[in-house]
Amino acid sequence: GQDYYRVEFTALGEPYAYDIDALTGVIIDADVPAGSTRADLDGAG
């Protein structure tokens, strides 16, 4: 009975997936690469 958006994308070859409440925008669940950080994605020190 809970409506949500399933958002999937890739970054640097790694898959990311988020379940987001369709009414509130709150993240219900997430499946992300272990240890991923902004530094990894920026490709800089």
All heavy atoms as atom14 arrays in JSON, in Angstrom:
{
  "sequence": "GQDYYRVEFTALGEPYAYDIDALTGVIIDADVPAGSTRADLDGAG",
  "atom14_mask": [
    [1, 1, 1, 1, 0, 0, 0, 0, 0, 0, 0, 0, 0, 0],
    [1, 1, 1, 1, 1, 1, 1, 1, 1, 0, 0, 0, 0, 0],
    [1, 1, 1, 1, 1, 1, 1, 1, 0, 0, 0, 0, 0, 0],
    [1, 1, 1, 1, 1, 1, 1, 1, 1, 1, 1, 1, 0, 0],
    [1, 1, 1, 1, 1, 1, 1, 1, 1, 1, 1, 1, 0, 0],
    [1, 1, 1, 1, 1, 1, 1, 1, 1, 1, 1, 0, 0, 0],
    [1, 1, 1, 1, 1, 1, 1, 0, 0, 0, 0, 0, 0, 0],
    [1, 1, 1, 1, 1, 1, 1, 1, 1, 0, 0, 0, 0, 0],
    [1, 1, 1, 1, 1, 1, 1, 1, 1, 1, 1, 0, 0, 0],
    [1, 1, 1, 1, 1, 1, 1, 0, 0, 0, 0, 0, 0, 0],
    [1, 1, 1, 1, 1, 0, 0, 0, 0, 0, 0, 0, 0, 0],
    [1, 1, 1, 1, 1, 1, 1, 1, 0, 0, 0, 0, 0, 0],
    [1, 1, 1, 1, 0, 0, 0, 0, 0, 0, 0, 0, 0, 0],
    [1, 1, 1, 1, 1, 1, 1, 1, 1, 0, 0, 0, 0, 0],
    [1, 1, 1, 1, 1, 1, 1, 0, 0, 0, 0, 0, 0, 0],
    [1, 1, 1, 1, 1, 1, 1, 1, 1, 1, 1, 1, 0, 0],
    [1, 1, 1, 1, 1, 0, 0, 0, 0, 0, 0, 0, 0, 0],
    [1, 1, 1, 1, 1, 1, 1, 1, 1, 1, 1, 1, 0, 0],
    [1, 1, 1, 1, 1, 1, 1, 1, 0, 0, 0, 0, 0, 0],
    [1, 1, 1, 1, 1, 1, 1, 1, 0, 0, 0, 0, 0, 0],
    [1, 1, 1, 1, 1, 1, 1, 1, 0, 0, 0, 0, 0, 0],
    [1, 1, 1, 1, 1, 0, 0, 0, 0, 0, 0, 0, 0, 0],
    [1, 1, 1, 1, 1, 1, 1, 1, 0, 0, 0, 0, 0, 0],
    [1, 1, 1, 1, 1, 1, 1, 0, 0, 0, 0, 0, 0, 0],
    [1, 1, 1, 1, 0, 0, 0, 0, 0, 0, 0, 0, 0, 0],
    [1, 1, 1, 1, 1, 1, 1, 0, 0, 0, 0, 0, 0, 0],
    [1, 1, 1, 1, 1, 1, 1, 1, 0, 0, 0, 0, 0, 0],
    [1, 1, 1, 1, 1, 1, 1, 1, 0, 0, 0, 0, 0, 0],
    [1, 1, 1, 1, 1, 1, 1, 1, 0, 0, 0, 0, 0, 0],
    [1, 1, 1, 1, 1, 0, 0, 0, 0, 0, 0, 0, 0, 0],
    [1, 1, 1, 1, 1, 1, 1, 1, 0, 0, 0, 0, 0, 0],
    [1, 1, 1, 1, 1, 1, 1, 0, 0, 0, 0, 0, 0, 0],
    [1, 1, 1, 1, 1, 1, 1, 0, 0, 0, 0, 0, 0, 0],
    [1, 1, 1, 1, 1, 0, 0, 0, 0, 0, 0, 0, 0, 0],
    [1, 1, 1, 1, 0, 0, 0, 0, 0, 0, 0, 0, 0, 0],
    [1, 1, 1, 1, 1, 1, 0, 0, 0, 0, 0, 0, 0, 0],
    [1, 1, 1, 1, 1, 1, 1, 0, 0, 0, 0, 0, 0, 0],
    [1, 1, 1, 1, 1, 1, 1, 1, 1, 1, 1, 0, 0, 0],
    [1, 1, 1, 1, 1, 0, 0, 0, 0, 0, 0, 0, 0, 0],
    [1, 1, 1, 1, 1, 1, 1, 1, 0, 0, 0, 0, 0, 0],
    [1, 1, 1, 1, 1, 1, 1, 1, 0, 0, 0, 0, 0, 0],
    [1, 1, 1, 1, 1, 1, 1, 1, 0, 0, 0, 0, 0, 0],
    [1, 1, 1, 1, 0, 0, 0, 0, 0, 0, 0, 0, 0, 0],
    [1, 1, 1, 1, 1, 0, 0, 0, 0, 0, 0, 0, 0, 0],
    [1, 1, 1, 1, 0, 0, 0, 0, 0, 0, 0, 0, 0, 0]
  ],
  "atom14_positions": [
    [[0.78, -1.23, 0.0], [0.0, 0.0, 0.0], [0.81, 1.28, 0.0], [0.25, 2.38, -0.02], [0.0, 0.0, 0.0], [0.0, 0.0, 0.0], [0.0, 0.0, 0.0], [0.0, 0.0, 0.0], [0.0, 0.0, 0.0], [0.0, 0.0, 0.0], [0.0, 0.0, 0.0], [0.0, 0.0, 0.0], [0.0, 0.0, 0.0], [0.0, 0.0, 0.0]],
    [[2.14, 1.19, 0.03], [3.0, 2.38, 0.0], [3.55, 2.58, -1.4], [4.24, 1.71, -1.93], [4.15, 2.23, 0.99], [5.05, 3.47, 1.05], [6.15, 3.33, 2.1], [6.47, 2.23, 2.52], [6.72, 4.45, 2.5], [0.0, 0.0, 0.0], [0.0, 0.0, 0.0], [0.0, 0.0, 0.0], [0.0, 0.0, 0.0], [0.0, 0.0, 0.0]],
    [[3.24, 3.71, -2.01], [3.72, 4.01, -3.36], [5.1, 4.64, -3.27], [5.35, 5.51, -2.43], [2.76, 4.97, -4.07], [1.4, 4.33, -4.32], [1.37, 3.12, -4.56], [0.39, 5.06, -4.27], [0.0, 0.0, 0.0], [0.0, 0.0, 0.0], [0.0, 0.0, 0.0], [0.0, 0.0, 0.0], [0.0, 0.0, 0.0], [0.0, 0.0, 0.0]],
    [[6.0, 4.21, -4.15], [7.35, 4.73, -4.13], [7.95, 4.71, -5.53], [7.49, 4.0, -6.42], [8.24, 3.91, -3.19], [8.47, 2.49, -3.63], [9.59, 2.14, -4.41], [7.59, 1.49, -3.28], [9.8, 0.84, -4.82], [7.79, 0.17, -3.68], [8.9, -0.14, -4.46], [9.1, -1.44, -4.88], [0.0, 0.0, 0.0], [0.0, 0.0, 0.0]],
    [[8.99, 5.53, -5.7], [9.75, 5.54, -6.96], [10.98, 4.66, -6.78], [11.71, 4.78, -5.79], [10.19, 6.96, -7.31], [9.08, 7.86, -7.78], [8.49, 8.76, -6.89], [8.62, 7.82, -9.09], [7.46, 9.59, -7.3], [7.6, 8.65, -9.51], [7.03, 9.54, -8.62], [6.01, 10.36, -9.03], [0.0, 0.0, 0.0], [0.0, 0.0, 0.0]],
    [[11.2, 3.8, -7.74], [12.43, 3.01, -7.79], [13.36, 3.7, -8.78], [13.11, 3.71, -9.99], [12.13, 1.58, -8.26], [13.36, 0.68, -8.44], [13.98, 0.29, -7.11], [15.04, -0.69, -7.28], [15.73, -1.22, -6.28], [15.45, -0.87, -5.04], [16.69, -2.1, -6.5], [0.0, 0.0, 0.0], [0.0, 0.0, 0.0], [0.0, 0.0, 0.0]],
    [[14.41, 4.31, -8.26], [15.35, 5.08, -9.08], [16.66, 4.29, -9.19], [17.28, 3.96, -8.18], [15.62, 6.46, -8.47], [16.58, 7.25, -9.35], [14.32, 7.23, -8.27], [0.0, 0.0, 0.0], [0.0, 0.0, 0.0], [0.0, 0.0, 0.0], [0.0, 0.0, 0.0], [0.0, 0.0, 0.0], [0.0, 0.0, 0.0], [0.0, 0.0, 0.0]],
    [[17.07, 4.01, -10.42], [18.3, 3.26, -10.64], [19.22, 4.02, -11.58], [18.76, 4.59, -12.58], [18.0, 1.88, -11.21], [17.14, 1.01, -10.29], [16.86, -0.37, -10.88], [17.32, -0.63, -12.02], [16.21, -1.19, -10.21], [0.0, 0.0, 0.0], [0.0, 0.0, 0.0], [0.0, 0.0, 0.0], [0.0, 0.0, 0.0], [0.0, 0.0, 0.0]],
    [[20.51, 4.05, -11.26], [21.48, 4.71, -12.12], [22.86, 4.08, -11.9], [23.06, 3.3, -10.96], [21.53, 6.22, -11.88], [21.89, 6.62, -10.47], [23.22, 6.8, -10.1], [20.9, 6.83, -9.52], [23.55, 7.17, -8.8], [21.23, 7.2, -8.22], [22.57, 7.38, -7.87], [0.0, 0.0, 0.0], [0.0, 0.0, 0.0], [0.0, 0.0, 0.0]],
    [[23.79, 4.42, -12.77], [25.16, 3.94, -12.64], [26.12, 5.13, -12.58], [25.84, 6.19, -13.14], [25.56, 3.04, -13.82], [25.44, 3.78, -15.04], [24.69, 1.81, -13.88], [0.0, 0.0, 0.0], [0.0, 0.0, 0.0], [0.0, 0.0, 0.0], [0.0, 0.0, 0.0], [0.0, 0.0, 0.0], [0.0, 0.0, 0.0], [0.0, 0.0, 0.0]],
    [[27.24, 4.94, -11.88], [28.29, 5.95, -11.81], [29.62, 5.21, -11.7], [29.79, 4.35, -10.84], [28.09, 6.86, -10.59], [0.0, 0.0, 0.0], [0.0, 0.0, 0.0], [0.0, 0.0, 0.0], [0.0, 0.0, 0.0], [0.0, 0.0, 0.0], [0.0, 0.0, 0.0], [0.0, 0.0, 0.0], [0.0, 0.0, 0.0], [0.0, 0.0, 0.0]],
    [[30.53, 5.54, -12.61], [31.82, 4.86, -12.68], [31.66, 3.34, -12.75], [32.42, 2.59, -12.13], [32.69, 5.23, -11.47], [33.2, 6.68, -11.43], [34.06, 6.9, -10.21], [33.98, 7.01, -12.69], [0.0, 0.0, 0.0], [0.0, 0.0, 0.0], [0.0, 0.0, 0.0], [0.0, 0.0, 0.0], [0.0, 0.0, 0.0], [0.0, 0.0, 0.0]],
    [[30.63, 2.91, -13.48], [30.41, 1.49, -13.68], [29.75, 0.78, -12.51], [29.53, -0.43, -12.57], [0.0, 0.0, 0.0], [0.0, 0.0, 0.0], [0.0, 0.0, 0.0], [0.0, 0.0, 0.0], [0.0, 0.0, 0.0], [0.0, 0.0, 0.0], [0.0, 0.0, 0.0], [0.0, 0.0, 0.0], [0.0, 0.0, 0.0], [0.0, 0.0, 0.0]],
    [[29.42, 1.51, -11.43], [28.79, 0.91, -10.25], [27.3, 1.2, -10.24], [26.88, 2.33, -10.54], [29.43, 1.45, -8.97], [30.89, 1.07, -8.79], [31.07, -0.35, -8.34], [30.05, -1.05, -8.09], [32.23, -0.79, -8.25], [0.0, 0.0, 0.0], [0.0, 0.0, 0.0], [0.0, 0.0, 0.0], [0.0, 0.0, 0.0], [0.0, 0.0, 0.0]],
    [[26.46, 0.23, -9.91], [25.01, 0.44, -9.89], [24.53, 1.03, -8.56], [25.03, 0.68, -7.5], [24.46, -0.98, -10.08], [25.5, -1.86, -9.43], [26.83, -1.19, -9.68], [0.0, 0.0, 0.0], [0.0, 0.0, 0.0], [0.0, 0.0, 0.0], [0.0, 0.0, 0.0], [0.0, 0.0, 0.0], [0.0, 0.0, 0.0], [0.0, 0.0, 0.0]],
    [[23.57, 1.93, -8.64], [22.92, 2.51, -7.47], [21.42, 2.36, -7.64], [20.89, 2.5, -8.76], [23.25, 4.0, -7.33], [24.68, 4.3, -6.95], [25.71, 4.16, -7.88], [25.0, 4.72, -5.67], [27.03, 4.43, -7.53], [26.32, 5.01, -5.31], [27.32, 4.86, -6.25], [28.61, 5.14, -5.91], [0.0, 0.0, 0.0], [0.0, 0.0, 0.0]],
    [[20.72, 2.08, -6.55], [19.26, 1.96, -6.61], [18.66, 2.52, -5.32], [19.14, 2.21, -4.22], [18.85, 0.51, -6.81], [0.0, 0.0, 0.0], [0.0, 0.0, 0.0], [0.0, 0.0, 0.0], [0.0, 0.0, 0.0], [0.0, 0.0, 0.0], [0.0, 0.0, 0.0], [0.0, 0.0, 0.0], [0.0, 0.0, 0.0], [0.0, 0.0, 0.0]],
    [[17.64, 3.33, -5.46], [16.97, 3.93, -4.31], [15.45, 3.75, -4.44], [14.89, 3.92, -5.52], [17.28, 5.43, -4.2], [18.69, 5.74, -3.8], [19.69, 5.88, -4.75], [19.03, 5.9, -2.46], [21.0, 6.17, -4.38], [20.33, 6.19, -2.08], [21.31, 6.32, -3.05], [22.59, 6.6, -2.69], [0.0, 0.0, 0.0], [0.0, 0.0, 0.0]],
    [[14.81, 3.41, -3.32], [13.35, 3.41, -3.23], [12.95, 4.67, -2.47], [13.35, 4.84, -1.31], [12.84, 2.16, -2.5], [13.08, 0.89, -3.3], [13.35, 1.0, -4.5], [13.01, -0.2, -2.72], [0.0, 0.0, 0.0], [0.0, 0.0, 0.0], [0.0, 0.0, 0.0], [0.0, 0.0, 0.0], [0.0, 0.0, 0.0], [0.0, 0.0, 0.0]],
    [[12.16, 5.54, -3.11], [11.84, 6.85, -2.54], [10.33, 7.01, -2.44], [9.61, 6.82, -3.42], [12.44, 7.97, -3.41], [13.96, 7.81, -3.48], [12.05, 9.34, -2.88], [14.64, 8.74, -4.44], [0.0, 0.0, 0.0], [0.0, 0.0, 0.0], [0.0, 0.0, 0.0], [0.0, 0.0, 0.0], [0.0, 0.0, 0.0], [0.0, 0.0, 0.0]],
    [[9.86, 7.33, -1.23], [8.43, 7.51, -0.99], [7.86, 8.52, -1.97], [8.35, 9.64, -2.09], [8.19, 7.98, 0.44], [6.72, 7.97, 0.83], [5.97, 8.79, 0.27], [6.34, 7.16, 1.68], [0.0, 0.0, 0.0], [0.0, 0.0, 0.0], [0.0, 0.0, 0.0], [0.0, 0.0, 0.0], [0.0, 0.0, 0.0], [0.0, 0.0, 0.0]],
    [[6.8, 8.12, -2.68], [6.25, 8.96, -3.75], [5.56, 10.21, -3.22], [5.42, 11.19, -3.95], [5.27, 8.14, -4.59], [0.0, 0.0, 0.0], [0.0, 0.0, 0.0], [0.0, 0.0, 0.0], [0.0, 0.0, 0.0], [0.0, 0.0, 0.0], [0.0, 0.0, 0.0], [0.0, 0.0, 0.0], [0.0, 0.0, 0.0], [0.0, 0.0, 0.0]],
    [[5.14, 10.2, -1.97], [4.44, 11.36, -1.41], [5.37, 12.31, -0.66], [5.22, 13.52, -0.76], [3.33, 10.88, -0.46], [2.14, 10.17, -1.11], [1.23, 9.6, -0.03], [1.36, 11.13, -2.0], [0.0, 0.0, 0.0], [0.0, 0.0, 0.0], [0.0, 0.0, 0.0], [0.0, 0.0, 0.0], [0.0, 0.0, 0.0], [0.0, 0.0, 0.0]],
    [[6.32, 11.75, 0.09], [7.16, 12.58, 0.96], [8.57, 12.81, 0.43], [9.24, 13.75, 0.86], [7.27, 11.94, 2.35], [7.96, 10.68, 2.24], [5.89, 11.71, 2.95], [0.0, 0.0, 0.0], [0.0, 0.0, 0.0], [0.0, 0.0, 0.0], [0.0, 0.0, 0.0], [0.0, 0.0, 0.0], [0.0, 0.0, 0.0], [0.0, 0.0, 0.0]],
    [[9.04, 11.93, -0.45], [10.4, 12.04, -0.95], [11.43, 11.43, -0.02], [12.64, 11.52, -0.27], [0.0, 0.0, 0.0], [0.0, 0.0, 0.0], [0.0, 0.0, 0.0], [0.0, 0.0, 0.0], [0.0, 0.0, 0.0], [0.0, 0.0, 0.0], [0.0, 0.0, 0.0], [0.0, 0.0, 0.0], [0.0, 0.0, 0.0], [0.0, 0.0, 0.0]],
    [[10.98, 10.78, 1.05], [11.89, 10.13, 2.0], [12.42, 8.84, 1.39], [11.68, 8.08, 0.76], [11.17, 9.82, 3.33], [12.05, 8.98, 4.24], [10.78, 11.11, 4.02], [0.0, 0.0, 0.0], [0.0, 0.0, 0.0], [0.0, 0.0, 0.0], [0.0, 0.0, 0.0], [0.0, 0.0, 0.0], [0.0, 0.0, 0.0], [0.0, 0.0, 0.0]],
    [[13.7, 8.57, 1.58], [14.3, 7.34, 1.07], [13.89, 6.17, 1.94], [14.14, 6.15, 3.15], [15.83, 7.46, 1.02], [16.23, 8.54, 0.0], [16.48, 6.13, 0.67], [17.7, 8.81, -0.07], [0.0, 0.0, 0.0], [0.0, 0.0, 0.0], [0.0, 0.0, 0.0], [0.0, 0.0, 0.0], [0.0, 0.0, 0.0], [0.0, 0.0, 0.0]],
    [[13.23, 5.19, 1.33], [12.77, 4.01, 2.04], [13.87, 2.96, 2.13], [14.06, 2.32, 3.15], [11.53, 3.41, 1.33], [10.41, 4.45, 1.23], [11.04, 2.17, 2.05], [9.26, 4.0, 0.35], [0.0, 0.0, 0.0], [0.0, 0.0, 0.0], [0.0, 0.0, 0.0], [0.0, 0.0, 0.0], [0.0, 0.0, 0.0], [0.0, 0.0, 0.0]],
    [[14.57, 2.77, 1.04], [15.61, 1.76, 0.98], [16.66, 2.17, -0.04], [16.37, 2.99, -0.93], [15.01, 0.4, 0.61], [15.9, -0.77, 1.03], [16.97, -0.5, 1.61], [15.52, -1.92, 0.78], [0.0, 0.0, 0.0], [0.0, 0.0, 0.0], [0.0, 0.0, 0.0], [0.0, 0.0, 0.0], [0.0, 0.0, 0.0], [0.0, 0.0, 0.0]],
    [[17.86, 1.63, 0.08], [18.93, 1.97, -0.83], [19.85, 0.78, -1.02], [20.1, 0.02, -0.09], [19.72, 3.17, -0.31], [0.0, 0.0, 0.0], [0.0, 0.0, 0.0], [0.0, 0.0, 0.0], [0.0, 0.0, 0.0], [0.0, 0.0, 0.0], [0.0, 0.0, 0.0], [0.0, 0.0, 0.0], [0.0, 0.0, 0.0], [0.0, 0.0, 0.0]],
    [[20.33, 0.63, -2.23], [21.3, -0.41, -2.56], [22.45, 0.26, -3.3], [22.33, 0.59, -4.48], [20.64, -1.49, -3.43], [21.57, -2.65, -3.72], [22.66, -2.69, -3.12], [21.21, -3.52, -4.54], [0.0, 0.0, 0.0], [0.0, 0.0, 0.0], [0.0, 0.0, 0.0], [0.0, 0.0, 0.0], [0.0, 0.0, 0.0], [0.0, 0.0, 0.0]],
    [[23.55, 0.5, -2.58], [24.67, 1.25, -3.14], [25.96, 0.47, -2.95], [26.05, -0.39, -2.07], [24.8, 2.64, -2.48], [23.54, 3.46, -2.67], [25.1, 2.5, -0.99], [0.0, 0.0, 0.0], [0.0, 0.0, 0.0], [0.0, 0.0, 0.0], [0.0, 0.0, 0.0], [0.0, 0.0, 0.0], [0.0, 0.0, 0.0], [0.0, 0.0, 0.0]],
    [[26.99, 0.76, -3.74], [28.27, 0.06, -3.58], [28.87, 0.34, -2.2], [28.81, 1.46, -1.71], [29.15, 0.66, -4.68], [28.19, 1.2, -5.69], [27.01, 1.67, -4.89], [0.0, 0.0, 0.0], [0.0, 0.0, 0.0], [0.0, 0.0, 0.0], [0.0, 0.0, 0.0], [0.0, 0.0, 0.0], [0.0, 0.0, 0.0], [0.0, 0.0, 0.0]],
    [[29.43, -0.67, -1.58], [30.05, -0.52, -0.27], [31.23, 0.42, -0.34], [32.06, 0.33, -1.25], [30.5, -1.87, 0.27], [0.0, 0.0, 0.0], [0.0, 0.0, 0.0], [0.0, 0.0, 0.0], [0.0, 0.0, 0.0], [0.0, 0.0, 0.0], [0.0, 0.0, 0.0], [0.0, 0.0, 0.0], [0.0, 0.0, 0.0], [0.0, 0.0, 0.0]],
    [[31.27, 1.37, 0.61], [32.42, 2.27, 0.7], [32.44, 3.37, -0.34], [33.44, 4.05, -0.5], [0.0, 0.0, 0.0], [0.0, 0.0, 0.0], [0.0, 0.0, 0.0], [0.0, 0.0, 0.0], [0.0, 0.0, 0.0], [0.0, 0.0, 0.0], [0.0, 0.0, 0.0], [0.0, 0.0, 0.0], [0.0, 0.0, 0.0], [0.0, 0.0, 0.0]],
    [[31.35, 3.55, -1.09], [31.35, 4.59, -2.12], [31.31, 5.96, -1.46], [30.62, 6.18, -0.48], [30.13, 4.43, -3.03], [28.93, 4.55, -2.29], [0.0, 0.0, 0.0], [0.0, 0.0, 0.0], [0.0, 0.0, 0.0], [0.0, 0.0, 0.0], [0.0, 0.0, 0.0], [0.0, 0.0, 0.0], [0.0, 0.0, 0.0], [0.0, 0.0, 0.0]],
    [[32.05, 6.91, -2.01], [32.11, 8.27, -1.47], [32.08, 9.27, -2.61], [32.25, 8.92, -3.77], [33.41, 8.5, -0.68], [34.51, 8.45, -1.59], [33.61, 7.45, 0.4], [0.0, 0.0, 0.0], [0.0, 0.0, 0.0], [0.0, 0.0, 0.0], [0.0, 0.0, 0.0], [0.0, 0.0, 0.0], [0.0, 0.0, 0.0], [0.0, 0.0, 0.0]],
    [[31.87, 10.52, -2.27], [31.9, 11.57, -3.29], [33.27, 11.66, -3.93], [33.41, 11.93, -5.11], [31.55, 12.91, -2.64], [30.07, 13.04, -2.3], [29.77, 14.4, -1.72], [28.37, 14.54, -1.43], [27.86, 15.62, -0.86], [28.61, 16.64, -0.56], [26.56, 15.7, -0.61], [0.0, 0.0, 0.0], [0.0, 0.0, 0.0], [0.0, 0.0, 0.0]],
    [[34.32, 11.42, -3.15], [35.66, 11.5, -3.7], [35.85, 10.47, -4.79], [36.5, 10.72, -5.81], [36.69, 11.28, -2.59], [0.0, 0.0, 0.0], [0.0, 0.0, 0.0], [0.0, 0.0, 0.0], [0.0, 0.0, 0.0], [0.0, 0.0, 0.0], [0.0, 0.0, 0.0], [0.0, 0.0, 0.0], [0.0, 0.0, 0.0], [0.0, 0.0, 0.0]],
    [[35.3, 9.25, -4.6], [35.4, 8.22, -5.62], [34.76, 8.67, -6.91], [35.24, 8.39, -8.0], [34.7, 6.93, -5.15], [35.35, 6.36, -3.9], [36.57, 6.56, -3.73], [34.65, 5.74, -3.1], [0.0, 0.0, 0.0], [0.0, 0.0, 0.0], [0.0, 0.0, 0.0], [0.0, 0.0, 0.0], [0.0, 0.0, 0.0], [0.0, 0.0, 0.0]],
    [[33.63, 9.38, -6.8], [32.87, 9.75, -7.98], [33.42, 11.0, -8.65], [33.26, 11.18, -9.85], [31.4, 9.98, -7.58], [30.72, 8.7, -7.07], [29.41, 9.05, -6.4], [30.49, 7.73, -8.21], [0.0, 0.0, 0.0], [0.0, 0.0, 0.0], [0.0, 0.0, 0.0], [0.0, 0.0, 0.0], [0.0, 0.0, 0.0], [0.0, 0.0, 0.0]],
    [[34.08, 11.84, -7.88], [34.64, 13.05, -8.48], [35.88, 12.75, -9.3], [36.28, 13.54, -10.15], [34.99, 14.07, -7.38], [33.76, 14.66, -6.75], [32.69, 14.61, -7.38], [33.88, 15.15, -5.63], [0.0, 0.0, 0.0], [0.0, 0.0, 0.0], [0.0, 0.0, 0.0], [0.0, 0.0, 0.0], [0.0, 0.0, 0.0], [0.0, 0.0, 0.0]],
    [[36.51, 11.61, -9.03], [37.71, 11.22, -9.77], [38.89, 12.11, -9.44], [39.8, 12.27, -10.24], [0.0, 0.0, 0.0], [0.0, 0.0, 0.0], [0.0, 0.0, 0.0], [0.0, 0.0, 0.0], [0.0, 0.0, 0.0], [0.0, 0.0, 0.0], [0.0, 0.0, 0.0], [0.0, 0.0, 0.0], [0.0, 0.0, 0.0], [0.0, 0.0, 0.0]],
    [[38.91, 12.7, -8.24], [40.02, 13.55, -7.84], [40.38, 13.24, -6.41], [39.66, 12.53, -5.71], [39.63, 15.03, -7.97], [0.0, 0.0, 0.0], [0.0, 0.0, 0.0], [0.0, 0.0, 0.0], [0.0, 0.0, 0.0], [0.0, 0.0, 0.0], [0.0, 0.0, 0.0], [0.0, 0.0, 0.0], [0.0, 0.0, 0.0], [0.0, 0.0, 0.0]],
    [[41.51, 13.83, -5.96], [41.98, 13.54, -4.61], [41.07, 14.13, -3.56], [40.99, 13.61, -2.45], [0.0, 0.0, 0.0], [0.0, 0.0, 0.0], [0.0, 0.0, 0.0], [0.0, 0.0, 0.0], [0.0, 0.0, 0.0], [0.0, 0.0, 0.0], [0.0, 0.0, 0.0], [0.0, 0.0, 0.0], [0.0, 0.0, 0.0], [0.0, 0.0, 0.0]]
  ]
}
